[in-house]
Amino acid sequence: MQPKARAIIIDDDASCRLLLETLLKQRGYEVVSLSDPTACPLYASSQCTCPQDFACGDFLLTDNRMPRMTGIEFVERQTLRGCKGIVGNKAVLSGTWGEDELAHAERLGCQVFDKPYNFKQIMSWLEEREKQILPGRKLVVFDKNHYDL
């Protein structure tokens, strides 16, 4: 049986995180919610620690402007360290974009969204990207004591 889609949300703003969580849970997703990108196990490791054939999630939605690192920096770090999850299903959200940031996000294969959120745009992107989730993919089991699932 195919597990339901899993989205990882990273945003230091609790109200923005809650809005996205609500949207995705209403869609039937399992949601891993983090207030800080450094809470991701990948942050502390020099390489992806997920089991070889498993991915951490199907979607990543991250704020760009956060205190310890930007969402774009997190995606770049995730990619360089061999994360197997969320390939092509990464979105970076921000209320302010610089041209260099937009170009960098595009090079990393990220969808960009503006704040305040346009939920219709986000839903449309999710619907399109859901079609790309491979049948039979395996997801890492998260310790529910460490994440808001």
Protein backbone atom coordinates (compact mmCIF):
# COMPACT_ATOMS: atom_id res chain seq x y z
CA MET A 1 0.00 0.00 0.00
CA GLN A 2 1.32 3.41 -1.02
CA PRO A 3 1.85 5.68 2.01
CA LYS A 4 0.08 9.02 1.88
CA ALA A 5 2.13 11.95 0.70
CA ARG A 6 4.47 13.46 3.28
CA ALA A 7 5.32 17.14 3.32
CA ILE A 8 8.05 18.75 5.36
CA ILE A 9 7.40 22.36 6.32
CA ILE A 10 10.15 24.58 7.67
CA ASP A 11 9.21 28.07 8.81
CA ASP A 12 10.24 30.01 11.90
CA ASP A 13 6.90 31.86 11.89
CA ALA A 14 4.39 29.72 13.79
CA SER A 15 1.31 31.22 12.10
CA CYS A 16 2.71 30.63 8.58
CA ARG A 17 3.69 27.08 9.54
CA LEU A 18 0.21 26.43 10.93
CA LEU A 19 -1.46 27.75 7.76
CA LEU A 20 0.59 25.42 5.57
CA GLU A 21 0.10 22.49 7.96
CA THR A 22 -3.66 22.97 7.88
CA LEU A 23 -3.73 23.18 4.09
CA LEU A 24 -1.65 20.04 3.65
CA LYS A 25 -3.39 18.00 6.33
CA GLN A 26 -6.74 18.84 4.69
CA ARG A 27 -5.26 17.36 1.51
CA GLY A 28 -4.57 14.17 3.43
CA TYR A 29 -0.81 14.61 3.77
CA GLU A 30 1.31 13.51 6.66
CA VAL A 31 3.08 16.70 7.77
CA VAL A 32 6.46 17.08 9.46
CA SER A 33 6.66 20.61 10.81
CA LEU A 34 9.93 22.24 11.83
CA SER A 35 10.49 25.75 13.14
CA ASP A 36 14.18 25.72 12.25
CA PRO A 37 16.09 24.00 9.44
CA THR A 38 18.77 22.95 11.92
CA ALA A 39 16.19 20.57 13.45
CA CYS A 40 16.47 18.40 10.33
CA PRO A 41 18.73 15.38 10.96
CA LEU A 42 20.57 16.20 7.72
CA TYR A 43 21.75 19.51 9.12
CA ALA A 44 24.12 17.91 11.64
CA SER A 45 25.43 15.22 9.30
CA SER A 46 27.91 15.53 6.45
CA GLN A 47 25.81 13.18 4.31
CA CYS A 48 22.28 11.88 4.08
CA THR A 49 21.60 9.46 6.94
CA CYS A 50 18.33 8.04 5.63
CA PRO A 51 18.38 4.33 4.73
CA GLN A 52 19.52 3.78 1.13
CA ASP A 53 16.11 3.13 -0.46
CA PHE A 54 14.09 5.55 1.66
CA ALA A 55 13.25 9.22 1.34
CA CYS A 56 12.38 11.71 4.08
CA GLY A 57 9.36 13.08 2.26
CA ASP A 58 7.58 13.90 -0.97
CA PHE A 59 7.42 17.69 -0.63
CA LEU A 60 9.46 20.38 1.05
CA LEU A 61 7.95 23.81 1.66
CA THR A 62 10.38 26.13 3.38
CA ASP A 63 10.45 29.79 4.26
CA ASN A 64 13.46 31.56 2.83
CA ARG A 65 14.12 34.17 5.54
CA MET A 66 14.95 32.40 8.79
CA PRO A 67 17.42 33.30 11.55
CA ARG A 68 20.03 30.54 11.18
CA MET A 69 19.98 29.93 7.43
CA THR A 70 17.81 30.68 4.44
CA GLY A 71 15.52 28.12 2.88
CA ILE A 72 17.65 28.26 -0.27
CA GLU A 73 20.78 27.49 1.79
CA PHE A 74 18.97 24.54 3.38
CA VAL A 75 17.89 23.15 -0.01
CA GLU A 76 21.44 23.54 -1.32
CA ARG A 77 22.87 21.78 1.73
CA GLN A 78 20.28 19.01 1.40
CA THR A 79 21.19 18.51 -2.26
CA LEU A 80 24.97 18.53 -1.70
CA ARG A 81 24.68 15.99 1.10
CA GLY A 82 22.79 13.48 -1.01
CA CYS A 83 19.25 13.74 0.29
CA LYS A 84 17.15 11.28 -1.71
CA GLY A 85 13.75 12.75 -0.93
CA ILE A 86 11.69 15.49 -2.43
CA VAL A 87 13.50 15.55 -5.78
CA GLY A 88 11.76 18.22 -7.85
CA ASN A 89 9.15 18.89 -5.18
CA LYS A 90 10.82 21.72 -3.30
CA ALA A 91 9.22 25.10 -2.77
CA VAL A 92 10.73 28.18 -1.17
CA LEU A 93 8.38 30.87 0.12
CA SER A 94 9.24 34.47 0.90
CA GLY A 95 7.74 37.91 1.25
CA THR A 96 10.80 39.47 -0.36
CA TRP A 97 12.88 38.13 -3.21
CA GLY A 98 16.12 39.39 -4.66
CA GLU A 99 17.02 38.59 -8.28
CA ASP A 100 20.01 36.52 -7.16
CA GLU A 101 17.84 34.50 -4.77
CA LEU A 102 15.28 33.77 -7.46
CA ALA A 103 18.00 32.65 -9.87
CA HIS A 104 19.61 30.47 -7.19
CA ALA A 105 16.28 28.86 -6.29
CA GLU A 106 15.67 28.12 -9.98
CA ARG A 107 19.12 26.52 -10.37
CA LEU A 108 18.29 24.28 -7.41
CA GLY A 109 15.02 23.22 -9.05
CA CYS A 110 12.79 24.97 -6.53
CA GLN A 111 9.35 26.39 -7.09
CA VAL A 112 9.08 29.85 -5.54
CA PHE A 113 5.99 31.33 -3.94
CA ASP A 114 5.38 34.77 -2.54
CA LYS A 115 4.03 35.66 0.86
CA PRO A 116 1.27 36.33 1.59
CA TYR A 117 0.35 32.91 0.21
CA ASN A 118 -1.71 32.41 -2.89
CA PHE A 119 -3.27 29.10 -1.86
CA LYS A 120 -4.69 28.47 -5.31
CA GLN A 121 -1.16 28.58 -6.78
CA ILE A 122 0.21 26.29 -4.08
CA MET A 123 -2.66 23.81 -4.53
CA SER A 124 -2.18 23.78 -8.29
CA TRP A 125 1.55 23.09 -7.87
CA LEU A 126 0.86 20.29 -5.38
CA GLU A 127 -1.71 18.67 -7.68
CA GLU A 128 0.74 18.69 -10.59
CA ARG A 129 3.67 17.40 -8.53
CA GLU A 130 1.63 14.65 -6.84
CA LYS A 131 1.51 12.95 -10.25
CA GLN A 132 5.31 12.60 -10.11
CA ILE A 133 5.41 10.62 -6.85
CA LEU A 134 6.68 7.17 -7.72
CA PRO A 135 4.46 4.23 -6.80
CA GLY A 136 6.15 2.00 -4.25
CA ARG A 137 8.49 4.68 -2.91
CA LYS A 138 9.47 4.18 0.71
CA LEU A 139 9.52 6.89 3.36
CA VAL A 140 11.70 7.07 6.46
CA VAL A 141 9.85 6.45 9.72
CA PHE A 142 10.16 9.55 11.87
CA ASP A 143 10.28 9.55 15.65
CA LYS A 144 6.98 11.28 16.41
CA ASN A 145 8.39 12.61 19.68
CA HIS A 146 10.77 14.87 17.76
CA TYR A 147 8.47 16.13 15.02
CA ASP A 148 4.97 17.58 14.82
CA LEU A 149 3.23 14.77 12.89
